[in-house]
Amino acid sequence: MSVSIGVIDYGMGNRRSVQKALEHVGARAMITSDRATLARCDGLVLPGVGAFPAAMRNLAQRGLADFIREQAHDAKPLLGICLGMQVLFDGSQEGEPTAGLGLLGGQVRWLLSGARRLPHIGWNDVRFERSCTLTAALPSAGCPFYHVHSLVADPADPADIVGTAEYGERFTTMVARDTIMGVQFHPEKSSAHGLLMLGSFLQCCRQGAPVARA
């Protein structure tokens, strides 16, 4: 059965790269901000590159913030990538105080990189703290993914944490609760492991299944 994935277009993020990666693993992926079209999709991907306040303004101006909340509350599989993961949380300290989508409890803060420069750019080993649908096809202990970021999310509920990585400190880089999922890294830039993860997301969308907890 073909799976349709809506790549949410709110003017930020490498939307075409995400679309191409999803198509590579067998999805019918479309980039759109049309809510009716997105509502018909089996799953949604929220990409993002840039600043948290601008992202939330763009989502609100396009009528997408409340729409995403409604779709998530209706248990439609949702995957946030990079900034798209960060806006799933309550808020961020980047720029002016800005509320997020509030789908996951917690705040986004600057990465405590110590003597290492920001942004954190490059491949980094992700350690899986528990299993979930997104990790089903990946090595159980973890694997490397490509990161580009300066801020990280601190989930209020440790049970939401799926994967962590280290750069000056150990930080959360993968989260999941029911059908709400997020990754700080870029699966579309992470070679075979990234494609395997996106394939597992498609399987979740195909089955309409919640994210499995360990």
N, C-alpha and C. Protein backbone atom coordinates (compact mmCIF):
# COMPACT_ATOMS: atom_id res chain seq x y z
N MET A 1 0.84 -1.19 0.00
CA MET A 1 0.00 0.00 0.00
C MET A 1 0.88 1.25 0.00
N SER A 2 0.60 2.17 -0.90
CA SER A 2 1.36 3.40 -0.98
C SER A 2 1.07 4.29 0.23
N VAL A 3 2.10 4.94 0.72
CA VAL A 3 1.97 5.82 1.89
C VAL A 3 2.18 7.26 1.44
N SER A 4 1.25 8.14 1.80
CA SER A 4 1.39 9.55 1.46
C SER A 4 1.90 10.33 2.66
N ILE A 5 2.94 11.11 2.43
CA ILE A 5 3.54 11.91 3.50
C ILE A 5 3.50 13.38 3.09
N GLY A 6 2.98 14.21 3.97
CA GLY A 6 2.96 15.63 3.73
C GLY A 6 4.16 16.30 4.38
N VAL A 7 5.02 16.91 3.58
CA VAL A 7 6.14 17.70 4.09
C VAL A 7 5.63 19.12 4.27
N ILE A 8 5.49 19.54 5.49
CA ILE A 8 4.83 20.80 5.81
C ILE A 8 5.69 21.99 5.38
N ASP A 9 5.13 22.81 4.50
CA ASP A 9 5.84 23.95 3.95
C ASP A 9 5.44 25.21 4.71
N TYR A 10 6.36 25.72 5.53
CA TYR A 10 6.10 26.98 6.22
C TYR A 10 7.24 27.97 5.97
N GLY A 11 7.94 27.75 4.85
CA GLY A 11 8.94 28.70 4.41
C GLY A 11 10.31 28.52 5.02
N MET A 12 10.53 27.43 5.78
CA MET A 12 11.83 27.21 6.42
C MET A 12 12.20 25.74 6.30
N GLY A 13 13.48 25.49 6.06
CA GLY A 13 13.94 24.11 6.04
C GLY A 13 14.24 23.59 4.65
N ASN A 14 15.00 22.52 4.60
CA ASN A 14 15.38 21.91 3.32
C ASN A 14 14.30 20.91 2.90
N ARG A 15 13.18 21.45 2.49
CA ARG A 15 12.01 20.64 2.21
C ARG A 15 12.21 19.67 1.06
N ARG A 16 12.90 20.12 0.00
CA ARG A 16 13.09 19.27 -1.17
C ARG A 16 13.97 18.06 -0.82
N SER A 17 15.01 18.26 -0.02
CA SER A 17 15.87 17.13 0.37
C SER A 17 15.10 16.09 1.16
N VAL A 18 14.22 16.56 2.05
CA VAL A 18 13.39 15.64 2.83
C VAL A 18 12.43 14.90 1.91
N GLN A 19 11.83 15.61 0.98
CA GLN A 19 10.90 14.97 0.05
C GLN A 19 11.61 13.88 -0.75
N LYS A 20 12.80 14.17 -1.27
CA LYS A 20 13.53 13.20 -2.07
C LYS A 20 13.90 11.96 -1.26
N ALA A 21 14.30 12.16 0.00
CA ALA A 21 14.64 11.02 0.85
C ALA A 21 13.42 10.15 1.12
N LEU A 22 12.27 10.78 1.36
CA LEU A 22 11.04 10.02 1.59
C LEU A 22 10.63 9.25 0.33
N GLU A 23 10.77 9.88 -0.82
CA GLU A 23 10.46 9.19 -2.07
C GLU A 23 11.40 8.01 -2.30
N HIS A 24 12.65 8.17 -1.90
CA HIS A 24 13.63 7.10 -2.06
C HIS A 24 13.24 5.84 -1.29
N VAL A 25 12.56 6.01 -0.15
CA VAL A 25 12.16 4.84 0.64
C VAL A 25 10.72 4.42 0.34
N GLY A 26 10.13 5.00 -0.71
CA GLY A 26 8.86 4.49 -1.21
C GLY A 26 7.63 5.30 -0.91
N ALA A 27 7.77 6.48 -0.35
CA ALA A 27 6.60 7.31 -0.01
C ALA A 27 6.16 8.14 -1.20
N ARG A 28 4.89 8.51 -1.22
CA ARG A 28 4.40 9.59 -2.07
C ARG A 28 4.47 10.85 -1.22
N ALA A 29 5.52 11.63 -1.44
CA ALA A 29 5.76 12.79 -0.58
C ALA A 29 5.44 14.08 -1.33
N MET A 30 4.73 14.96 -0.66
CA MET A 30 4.35 16.23 -1.27
C MET A 30 4.69 17.38 -0.32
N ILE A 31 5.23 18.45 -0.87
CA ILE A 31 5.54 19.66 -0.11
C ILE A 31 4.37 20.61 -0.26
N THR A 32 3.72 20.96 0.84
CA THR A 32 2.54 21.81 0.74
C THR A 32 2.24 22.48 2.07
N SER A 33 1.58 23.61 1.99
CA SER A 33 1.05 24.27 3.19
C SER A 33 -0.47 24.20 3.22
N ASP A 34 -1.06 23.52 2.24
CA ASP A 34 -2.51 23.41 2.16
C ASP A 34 -3.01 22.41 3.20
N ARG A 35 -3.82 22.89 4.13
CA ARG A 35 -4.24 22.04 5.25
C ARG A 35 -5.12 20.89 4.81
N ALA A 36 -5.95 21.10 3.83
CA ALA A 36 -6.81 20.01 3.35
C ALA A 36 -5.98 18.89 2.75
N THR A 37 -4.96 19.26 1.99
CA THR A 37 -4.07 18.25 1.40
C THR A 37 -3.30 17.52 2.49
N LEU A 38 -2.76 18.27 3.44
CA LEU A 38 -2.01 17.65 4.53
C LEU A 38 -2.89 16.73 5.37
N ALA A 39 -4.15 17.11 5.55
CA ALA A 39 -5.06 16.30 6.36
C ALA A 39 -5.33 14.94 5.72
N ARG A 40 -5.22 14.86 4.41
CA ARG A 40 -5.46 13.58 3.72
C ARG A 40 -4.24 12.66 3.73
N CYS A 41 -3.10 13.18 4.15
CA CYS A 41 -1.88 12.37 4.15
C CYS A 41 -1.88 11.37 5.30
N ASP A 42 -1.13 10.28 5.11
CA ASP A 42 -1.02 9.25 6.15
C ASP A 42 -0.11 9.68 7.29
N GLY A 43 0.80 10.59 7.01
CA GLY A 43 1.73 11.07 8.03
C GLY A 43 2.26 12.44 7.62
N LEU A 44 2.83 13.15 8.59
CA LEU A 44 3.33 14.50 8.36
C LEU A 44 4.78 14.59 8.82
N VAL A 45 5.58 15.35 8.05
CA VAL A 45 6.95 15.66 8.44
C VAL A 45 7.08 17.17 8.53
N LEU A 46 7.63 17.63 9.66
CA LEU A 46 7.84 19.05 9.90
C LEU A 46 9.35 19.30 9.89
N PRO A 47 9.91 19.73 8.74
CA PRO A 47 11.34 20.01 8.68
C PRO A 47 11.61 21.40 9.23
N GLY A 48 12.88 21.80 9.24
CA GLY A 48 13.15 23.15 9.69
C GLY A 48 14.62 23.45 9.81
N VAL A 49 15.02 24.62 9.33
CA VAL A 49 16.36 25.15 9.52
C VAL A 49 16.18 26.64 9.77
N GLY A 50 16.77 27.15 10.85
CA GLY A 50 16.62 28.57 11.16
C GLY A 50 16.32 28.80 12.62
N ALA A 51 15.64 29.90 12.90
CA ALA A 51 15.40 30.33 14.28
C ALA A 51 14.00 29.96 14.75
N PHE A 52 13.89 29.60 16.00
CA PHE A 52 12.64 29.17 16.62
C PHE A 52 11.55 30.25 16.53
N PRO A 53 11.82 31.51 16.90
CA PRO A 53 10.75 32.51 16.82
C PRO A 53 10.20 32.69 15.42
N ALA A 54 11.08 32.71 14.41
CA ALA A 54 10.62 32.86 13.03
C ALA A 54 9.79 31.67 12.60
N ALA A 55 10.20 30.49 13.04
CA ALA A 55 9.45 29.28 12.68
C ALA A 55 8.03 29.34 13.23
N MET A 56 7.88 29.72 14.49
CA MET A 56 6.54 29.77 15.08
C MET A 56 5.69 30.88 14.45
N ARG A 57 6.31 32.01 14.09
CA ARG A 57 5.56 33.07 13.41
C ARG A 57 5.05 32.57 12.06
N ASN A 58 5.92 31.92 11.31
CA ASN A 58 5.52 31.42 10.00
C ASN A 58 4.41 30.38 10.10
N LEU A 59 4.53 29.48 11.07
CA LEU A 59 3.48 28.46 11.25
C LEU A 59 2.15 29.12 11.61
N ALA A 60 2.19 30.11 12.49
CA ALA A 60 0.95 30.79 12.90
C ALA A 60 0.35 31.57 11.74
N GLN A 61 1.16 32.27 10.99
CA GLN A 61 0.66 33.10 9.88
C GLN A 61 0.00 32.25 8.80
N ARG A 62 0.45 31.02 8.64
CA ARG A 62 -0.12 30.13 7.63
C ARG A 62 -1.25 29.26 8.18
N GLY A 63 -1.62 29.50 9.43
CA GLY A 63 -2.68 28.71 10.04
C GLY A 63 -2.29 27.26 10.28
N LEU A 64 -0.98 27.01 10.40
CA LEU A 64 -0.50 25.63 10.51
C LEU A 64 -0.23 25.19 11.95
N ALA A 65 -0.02 26.13 12.86
CA ALA A 65 0.30 25.74 14.24
C ALA A 65 -0.85 24.96 14.87
N ASP A 66 -2.05 25.53 14.84
CA ASP A 66 -3.20 24.83 15.41
C ASP A 66 -3.53 23.57 14.62
N PHE A 67 -3.33 23.62 13.32
CA PHE A 67 -3.59 22.45 12.48
C PHE A 67 -2.69 21.28 12.89
N ILE A 68 -1.40 21.56 13.10
CA ILE A 68 -0.47 20.49 13.50
C ILE A 68 -0.88 19.93 14.86
N ARG A 69 -1.26 20.80 15.77
CA ARG A 69 -1.71 20.33 17.08
C ARG A 69 -2.92 19.40 16.93
N GLU A 70 -3.87 19.80 16.11
CA GLU A 70 -5.07 18.98 15.91
C GLU A 70 -4.74 17.63 15.30
N GLN A 71 -3.87 17.62 14.30
CA GLN A 71 -3.48 16.37 13.65
C GLN A 71 -2.75 15.45 14.63
N ALA A 72 -1.88 16.03 15.44
CA ALA A 72 -1.15 15.23 16.43
C ALA A 72 -2.09 14.66 17.48
N HIS A 73 -3.04 15.46 17.92
CA HIS A 73 -3.99 14.99 18.92
C HIS A 73 -4.91 13.92 18.35
N ASP A 74 -5.07 13.91 17.03
CA ASP A 74 -5.85 12.86 16.36
C ASP A 74 -5.00 11.63 16.04
N ALA A 75 -3.77 11.62 16.54
CA ALA A 75 -2.85 10.47 16.43
C ALA A 75 -2.33 10.24 15.02
N LYS A 76 -2.27 11.30 14.20
CA LYS A 76 -1.60 11.15 12.91
C LYS A 76 -0.09 11.18 13.16
N PRO A 77 0.66 10.21 12.62
CA PRO A 77 2.11 10.21 12.82
C PRO A 77 2.75 11.52 12.35
N LEU A 78 3.58 12.08 13.21
CA LEU A 78 4.23 13.36 12.97
C LEU A 78 5.70 13.24 13.31
N LEU A 79 6.56 13.62 12.37
CA LEU A 79 8.01 13.59 12.59
C LEU A 79 8.58 14.99 12.41
N GLY A 80 9.17 15.54 13.48
CA GLY A 80 9.85 16.82 13.40
C GLY A 80 11.34 16.60 13.20
N ILE A 81 11.95 17.36 12.29
CA ILE A 81 13.36 17.23 11.97
C ILE A 81 14.08 18.53 12.29
N CYS A 82 15.14 18.45 13.09
CA CYS A 82 15.99 19.59 13.46
C CYS A 82 15.15 20.68 14.13
N LEU A 83 15.03 21.86 13.55
CA LEU A 83 14.17 22.89 14.12
C LEU A 83 12.73 22.39 14.23
N GLY A 84 12.33 21.53 13.30
CA GLY A 84 11.00 20.95 13.36
C GLY A 84 10.78 20.10 14.60
N MET A 85 11.82 19.50 15.13
CA MET A 85 11.72 18.80 16.42
C MET A 85 11.61 19.81 17.56
N GLN A 86 12.42 20.87 17.50
CA GLN A 86 12.44 21.83 18.61
C GLN A 86 11.09 22.49 18.82
N VAL A 87 10.38 22.83 17.73
CA VAL A 87 9.10 23.53 17.90
C VAL A 87 8.00 22.61 18.43
N LEU A 88 8.26 21.31 18.52
CA LEU A 88 7.29 20.42 19.16
C LEU A 88 7.17 20.69 20.65
N PHE A 89 8.18 21.35 21.23
CA PHE A 89 8.24 21.54 22.68
C PHE A 89 7.53 22.83 23.12
N ASP A 90 7.55 23.08 24.43
CA ASP A 90 6.79 24.19 24.99
C ASP A 90 7.33 25.56 24.58
N GLY A 91 8.65 25.67 24.47
CA GLY A 91 9.22 26.97 24.14
C GLY A 91 10.72 26.89 24.01
N SER A 92 11.32 28.06 23.69
CA SER A 92 12.76 28.11 23.45
C SER A 92 13.33 29.39 24.02
N GLN A 93 14.60 29.34 24.40
CA GLN A 93 15.31 30.53 24.87
C GLN A 93 16.04 31.24 23.72
N GLU A 94 15.87 30.75 22.49
CA GLU A 94 16.50 31.39 21.34
C GLU A 94 15.76 32.68 21.00
N GLY A 95 16.49 33.79 20.97
CA GLY A 95 15.87 35.07 20.65
C GLY A 95 14.87 35.49 21.72
N GLU A 96 13.78 36.13 21.27
CA GLU A 96 12.75 36.54 22.23
C GLU A 96 11.99 35.31 22.74
N PRO A 97 11.46 35.38 23.99
CA PRO A 97 10.69 34.24 24.51
C PRO A 97 9.55 33.89 23.56
N THR A 98 9.48 32.62 23.14
CA THR A 98 8.50 32.19 22.15
C THR A 98 7.93 30.85 22.56
N ALA A 99 6.62 30.76 22.57
CA ALA A 99 5.97 29.48 22.85
C ALA A 99 6.04 28.59 21.62
N GLY A 100 6.22 27.28 21.86
CA GLY A 100 6.22 26.31 20.79
C GLY A 100 4.85 25.68 20.62
N LEU A 101 4.82 24.55 19.95
CA LEU A 101 3.55 23.87 19.72
C LEU A 101 3.03 23.20 20.97
N GLY A 102 3.88 22.91 21.94
CA GLY A 102 3.45 22.33 23.20
C GLY A 102 2.97 20.90 23.10
N LEU A 103 3.42 20.17 22.08
CA LEU A 103 3.04 18.76 21.94
C LEU A 103 3.87 17.86 22.84
N LEU A 104 5.07 18.32 23.19
CA LEU A 104 5.94 17.63 24.14
C LEU A 104 6.34 18.63 25.21
N GLY A 105 6.34 18.20 26.45
CA GLY A 105 6.73 19.09 27.53
C GLY A 105 8.23 19.28 27.57
N GLY A 106 8.65 20.53 27.84
CA GLY A 106 10.08 20.81 27.94
C GLY A 106 10.45 22.07 27.18
N GLN A 107 11.69 22.49 27.37
CA GLN A 107 12.19 23.72 26.76
C GLN A 107 13.41 23.44 25.88
N VAL A 108 13.63 24.35 24.94
CA VAL A 108 14.80 24.30 24.07
C VAL A 108 15.80 25.34 24.57
N ARG A 109 17.05 24.94 24.69
CA ARG A 109 18.10 25.81 25.23
C ARG A 109 19.37 25.67 24.39
N TRP A 110 20.33 26.56 24.68
CA TRP A 110 21.61 26.50 23.98
C TRP A 110 22.40 25.28 24.43
N LEU A 111 23.04 24.62 23.49
CA LEU A 111 23.89 23.47 23.78
C LEU A 111 25.12 23.93 24.55
N LEU A 112 25.41 23.25 25.66
CA LEU A 112 26.59 23.56 26.48
C LEU A 112 27.78 22.83 25.88
N SER A 113 28.40 23.44 24.89
CA SER A 113 29.44 22.77 24.11
C SER A 113 30.83 22.88 24.71
N GLY A 114 30.96 23.63 25.82
CA GLY A 114 32.27 23.79 26.44
C GLY A 114 33.21 24.53 25.52
N ALA A 115 34.39 23.97 25.29
CA ALA A 115 35.39 24.62 24.43
C ALA A 115 35.11 24.39 22.95
N ARG A 116 34.14 23.55 22.63
CA ARG A 116 33.84 23.26 21.23
C ARG A 116 32.97 24.36 20.63
N ARG A 117 33.20 24.62 19.36
CA ARG A 117 32.48 25.72 18.71
C ARG A 117 31.04 25.33 18.37
N LEU A 118 30.22 26.35 18.28
CA LEU A 118 28.84 26.19 17.80
C LEU A 118 28.70 26.92 16.48
N PRO A 119 27.86 26.43 15.58
CA PRO A 119 27.00 25.25 15.75
C PRO A 119 27.77 23.94 15.71
N HIS A 120 27.13 22.93 16.28
CA HIS A 120 27.62 21.56 16.20
C HIS A 120 27.28 21.04 14.81
N ILE A 121 28.29 20.80 14.00
CA ILE A 121 28.09 20.37 12.62
C ILE A 121 28.86 19.09 12.36
N GLY A 122 28.19 18.08 11.85
CA GLY A 122 28.87 16.87 11.43
C GLY A 122 28.24 15.61 11.98
N TRP A 123 28.90 14.50 11.69
CA TRP A 123 28.43 13.19 12.13
C TRP A 123 28.70 13.02 13.62
N ASN A 124 27.74 12.42 14.31
CA ASN A 124 27.91 12.14 15.74
C ASN A 124 27.16 10.86 16.07
N ASP A 125 27.77 10.04 16.92
CA ASP A 125 27.14 8.78 17.31
C ASP A 125 25.93 9.05 18.20
N VAL A 126 24.82 8.46 17.84
CA VAL A 126 23.60 8.55 18.64
C VAL A 126 23.42 7.23 19.40
N ARG A 127 23.28 7.36 20.71
CA ARG A 127 23.05 6.19 21.56
C ARG A 127 21.56 6.06 21.83
N PHE A 128 21.01 4.90 21.55
CA PHE A 128 19.59 4.69 21.78
C PHE A 128 19.36 4.33 23.24
N GLU A 129 18.56 5.16 23.91
CA GLU A 129 18.26 4.95 25.32
C GLU A 129 17.11 3.98 25.51
N ARG A 130 16.28 3.82 24.50
CA ARG A 130 15.21 2.83 24.48
C ARG A 130 14.83 2.59 23.03
N SER A 131 14.08 1.55 22.79
CA SER A 131 13.64 1.25 21.43
C SER A 131 12.33 1.96 21.13
N CYS A 132 12.09 2.21 19.85
CA CYS A 132 10.82 2.75 19.40
C CYS A 132 10.68 2.41 17.92
N THR A 133 9.58 2.76 17.33
CA THR A 133 9.33 2.45 15.93
C THR A 133 10.45 2.97 15.04
N LEU A 134 10.95 4.16 15.29
CA LEU A 134 11.97 4.75 14.44
C LEU A 134 13.29 3.99 14.47
N THR A 135 13.56 3.27 15.54
CA THR A 135 14.84 2.57 15.68
C THR A 135 14.74 1.10 15.29
N ALA A 136 13.58 0.65 14.84
CA ALA A 136 13.34 -0.78 14.63
C ALA A 136 14.32 -1.42 13.66
N ALA A 137 14.74 -0.70 12.62
CA ALA A 137 15.61 -1.26 11.59
C ALA A 137 17.08 -0.90 11.80
N LEU A 138 17.39 -0.25 12.92
CA LEU A 138 18.74 0.26 13.17
C LEU A 138 19.47 -0.59 14.22
N PRO A 139 20.80 -0.52 14.28
CA PRO A 139 21.54 -1.24 15.31
C PRO A 139 21.01 -0.88 16.70
N SER A 140 20.84 -1.87 17.55
CA SER A 140 20.15 -1.66 18.83
C SER A 140 20.88 -0.67 19.74
N ALA A 141 22.20 -0.63 19.66
CA ALA A 141 22.95 0.25 20.55
C ALA A 141 22.98 1.69 20.05
N GLY A 142 22.79 1.89 18.74
CA GLY A 142 22.84 3.22 18.17
C GLY A 142 23.68 3.24 16.91
N CYS A 143 23.81 4.44 16.32
CA CYS A 143 24.57 4.61 15.07
C CYS A 143 24.76 6.10 14.82
N PRO A 144 25.64 6.48 13.88
CA PRO A 144 25.89 7.91 13.64
C PRO A 144 24.83 8.56 12.75
N PHE A 145 24.56 9.83 13.04
CA PHE A 145 23.67 10.66 12.23
C PHE A 145 24.31 12.03 12.06
N TYR A 146 23.85 12.74 11.04
CA TYR A 146 24.43 14.04 10.72
C TYR A 146 23.67 15.17 11.43
N HIS A 147 24.39 15.97 12.21
CA HIS A 147 23.81 17.05 13.01
C HIS A 147 24.25 18.42 12.50
N VAL A 148 23.34 19.40 12.60
CA VAL A 148 23.67 20.81 12.38
C VAL A 148 22.76 21.62 13.31
N HIS A 149 23.30 22.08 14.44
CA HIS A 149 22.45 22.79 15.41
C HIS A 149 23.28 23.46 16.48
N SER A 150 22.66 24.42 17.17
CA SER A 150 23.28 25.10 18.30
C SER A 150 22.45 24.99 19.56
N LEU A 151 21.18 24.58 19.41
CA LEU A 151 20.28 24.45 20.55
C LEU A 151 19.80 23.01 20.66
N VAL A 152 19.35 22.65 21.86
CA VAL A 152 18.88 21.29 22.11
C VAL A 152 17.62 21.35 22.97
N ALA A 153 16.85 20.30 22.92
CA ALA A 153 15.63 20.21 23.71
C ALA A 153 15.90 19.45 25.01
N ASP A 154 15.29 19.93 26.08
CA ASP A 154 15.30 19.23 27.37
C ASP A 154 13.89 18.74 27.65
N PRO A 155 13.56 17.49 27.32
CA PRO A 155 12.20 16.99 27.57
C PRO A 155 11.88 16.98 29.06
N ALA A 156 10.66 17.39 29.40
CA ALA A 156 10.23 17.37 30.79
C ALA A 156 10.05 15.95 31.29
N ASP A 157 9.66 15.04 30.41
CA ASP A 157 9.46 13.64 30.76
C ASP A 157 10.61 12.82 30.18
N PRO A 158 11.49 12.26 31.02
CA PRO A 158 12.61 11.46 30.50
C PRO A 158 12.15 10.28 29.65
N ALA A 159 10.93 9.83 29.83
CA ALA A 159 10.42 8.71 29.04
C ALA A 159 10.27 9.07 27.57
N ASP A 160 10.27 10.36 27.24
CA ASP A 160 10.16 10.78 25.84
C ASP A 160 11.49 10.66 25.10
N ILE A 161 12.59 10.49 25.82
CA ILE A 161 13.91 10.45 25.21
C ILE A 161 14.18 9.09 24.59
N VAL A 162 14.52 9.08 23.31
CA VAL A 162 14.87 7.84 22.60
C VAL A 162 16.36 7.76 22.37
N GLY A 163 16.98 8.87 21.94
CA GLY A 163 18.40 8.85 21.61
C GLY A 163 19.12 10.07 22.14
N THR A 164 20.40 9.88 22.48
CA THR A 164 21.24 10.98 22.95
C THR A 164 22.57 10.94 22.20
N ALA A 165 23.25 12.08 22.18
CA ALA A 165 24.58 12.18 21.61
C ALA A 165 25.40 13.10 22.50
N GLU A 166 26.70 13.19 22.23
CA GLU A 166 27.57 14.00 23.08
C GLU A 166 28.34 15.01 22.26
N TYR A 167 28.31 16.25 22.73
CA TYR A 167 29.10 17.33 22.15
C TYR A 167 29.27 18.39 23.23
N GLY A 168 30.30 18.24 24.04
CA GLY A 168 30.47 19.09 25.22
C GLY A 168 29.65 18.59 26.40
N GLU A 169 28.47 18.11 26.12
CA GLU A 169 27.57 17.49 27.10
C GLU A 169 26.76 16.42 26.37
N ARG A 170 26.15 15.53 27.12
CA ARG A 170 25.24 14.57 26.50
C ARG A 170 23.87 15.24 26.37
N PHE A 171 23.34 15.26 25.16
CA PHE A 171 22.10 15.97 24.89
C PHE A 171 21.10 15.06 24.19
N THR A 172 19.85 15.44 24.28
CA THR A 172 18.76 14.68 23.64
C THR A 172 18.75 15.00 22.15
N THR A 173 18.73 13.95 21.34
CA THR A 173 18.72 14.15 19.89
C THR A 173 17.61 13.36 19.20
N MET A 174 16.82 12.62 19.99
CA MET A 174 15.73 11.82 19.40
C MET A 174 14.66 11.62 20.47
N VAL A 175 13.42 11.93 20.13
CA VAL A 175 12.32 11.82 21.09
C VAL A 175 11.12 11.14 20.43
N ALA A 176 10.27 10.57 21.25
CA ALA A 176 9.03 9.98 20.74
C ALA A 176 8.04 9.81 21.87
N ARG A 177 6.81 10.14 21.56
CA ARG A 177 5.68 9.84 22.46
C ARG A 177 4.48 9.51 21.59
N ASP A 178 4.01 8.28 21.70
CA ASP A 178 2.89 7.82 20.88
C ASP A 178 3.22 8.06 19.40
N THR A 179 2.44 8.86 18.69
CA THR A 179 2.72 9.09 17.26
C THR A 179 3.44 10.41 17.00
N ILE A 180 3.95 11.03 18.06
CA ILE A 180 4.72 12.27 17.92
C ILE A 180 6.20 11.91 18.05
N MET A 181 6.99 12.23 17.02
CA MET A 181 8.40 11.87 16.99
C MET A 181 9.24 13.05 16.58
N GLY A 182 10.48 13.10 17.01
CA GLY A 182 11.36 14.18 16.61
C GLY A 182 12.81 13.76 16.65
N VAL A 183 13.59 14.31 15.71
CA VAL A 183 15.03 14.05 15.68
C VAL A 183 15.76 15.38 15.50
N GLN A 184 16.80 15.60 16.29
CA GLN A 184 17.59 16.82 16.15
C GLN A 184 18.49 16.75 14.92
N PHE A 185 18.89 15.55 14.54
CA PHE A 185 19.75 15.36 13.38
C PHE A 185 18.94 15.37 12.08
N HIS A 186 19.65 15.22 10.97
CA HIS A 186 19.01 15.24 9.65
C HIS A 186 19.04 13.83 9.05
N PRO A 187 17.96 13.08 9.11
CA PRO A 187 17.98 11.74 8.50
C PRO A 187 18.18 11.79 6.99
N GLU A 188 17.70 12.86 6.36
CA GLU A 188 17.84 12.97 4.91
C GLU A 188 19.29 13.19 4.48
N LYS A 189 20.17 13.53 5.43
CA LYS A 189 21.60 13.70 5.15
C LYS A 189 22.44 12.62 5.80
N SER A 190 21.80 11.59 6.34
CA SER A 190 22.50 10.59 7.16
C SER A 190 22.65 9.25 6.48
N SER A 191 22.73 9.25 5.17
CA SER A 191 23.06 8.05 4.40
C SER A 191 22.12 6.89 4.74
N ALA A 192 22.66 5.67 4.77
CA ALA A 192 21.82 4.47 4.89
C ALA A 192 21.02 4.44 6.18
N HIS A 193 21.63 4.85 7.29
CA HIS A 193 20.91 4.81 8.57
C HIS A 193 19.73 5.79 8.57
N GLY A 194 19.92 6.95 7.96
CA GLY A 194 18.83 7.91 7.88
C GLY A 194 17.68 7.39 7.05
N LEU A 195 17.99 6.73 5.94
CA LEU A 195 16.94 6.18 5.09
C LEU A 195 16.21 5.04 5.79
N LEU A 196 16.94 4.22 6.53
CA LEU A 196 16.29 3.15 7.29
C LEU A 196 15.32 3.72 8.32
N MET A 197 15.72 4.81 8.96
CA MET A 197 14.84 5.43 9.94
C MET A 197 13.59 5.99 9.28
N LEU A 198 13.75 6.64 8.13
CA LEU A 198 12.59 7.17 7.42
C LEU A 198 11.69 6.03 6.94
N GLY A 199 12.29 4.91 6.56
CA GLY A 199 11.49 3.74 6.18
C GLY A 199 10.65 3.24 7.34
N SER A 200 11.21 3.28 8.54
CA SER A 200 10.45 2.86 9.72
C SER A 200 9.32 3.84 10.02
N PHE A 201 9.56 5.13 9.76
CA PHE A 201 8.49 6.12 9.91
C PHE A 201 7.35 5.82 8.94
N LEU A 202 7.68 5.46 7.71
CA LEU A 202 6.65 5.09 6.75
C LEU A 202 5.84 3.90 7.22
N GLN A 203 6.52 2.93 7.83
CA GLN A 203 5.82 1.75 8.34
C GLN A 203 4.82 2.15 9.43
N CYS A 204 5.22 3.08 10.27
CA CYS A 204 4.32 3.59 11.31
C CYS A 204 3.11 4.25 10.67
N CYS A 205 3.34 5.04 9.61
CA CYS A 205 2.23 5.72 8.92
C CYS A 205 1.33 4.71 8.22
N ARG A 206 1.92 3.68 7.66
CA ARG A 206 1.15 2.65 6.95
C ARG A 206 0.21 1.92 7.90
N GLN A 207 0.70 1.62 9.07
CA GLN A 207 -0.07 0.85 10.04
C GLN A 207 -0.94 1.72 10.94
N GLY A 208 -0.65 3.03 10.95
CA GLY A 208 -1.35 3.91 11.88
C GLY A 208 -1.05 3.51 13.32
N ALA A 209 0.15 2.97 13.51
CA ALA A 209 0.50 2.41 14.82
C ALA A 209 1.22 3.44 15.68
N PRO A 210 0.99 3.43 16.99
CA PRO A 210 1.73 4.32 17.87
C PRO A 210 3.17 3.89 17.98
N VAL A 211 4.02 4.80 18.38
CA VAL A 211 5.43 4.50 18.58
C VAL A 211 5.56 3.50 19.73
N ALA A 212 6.28 2.41 19.47
CA ALA A 212 6.45 1.37 20.49
C ALA A 212 7.42 1.85 21.57
N ARG A 213 7.07 1.59 22.80
CA ARG A 213 7.98 1.89 23.92
C ARG A 213 8.64 0.61 24.38
N ALA A 214 9.88 0.77 24.86
CA ALA A 214 10.62 -0.40 25.35
C ALA A 214 10.00 -0.89 26.65
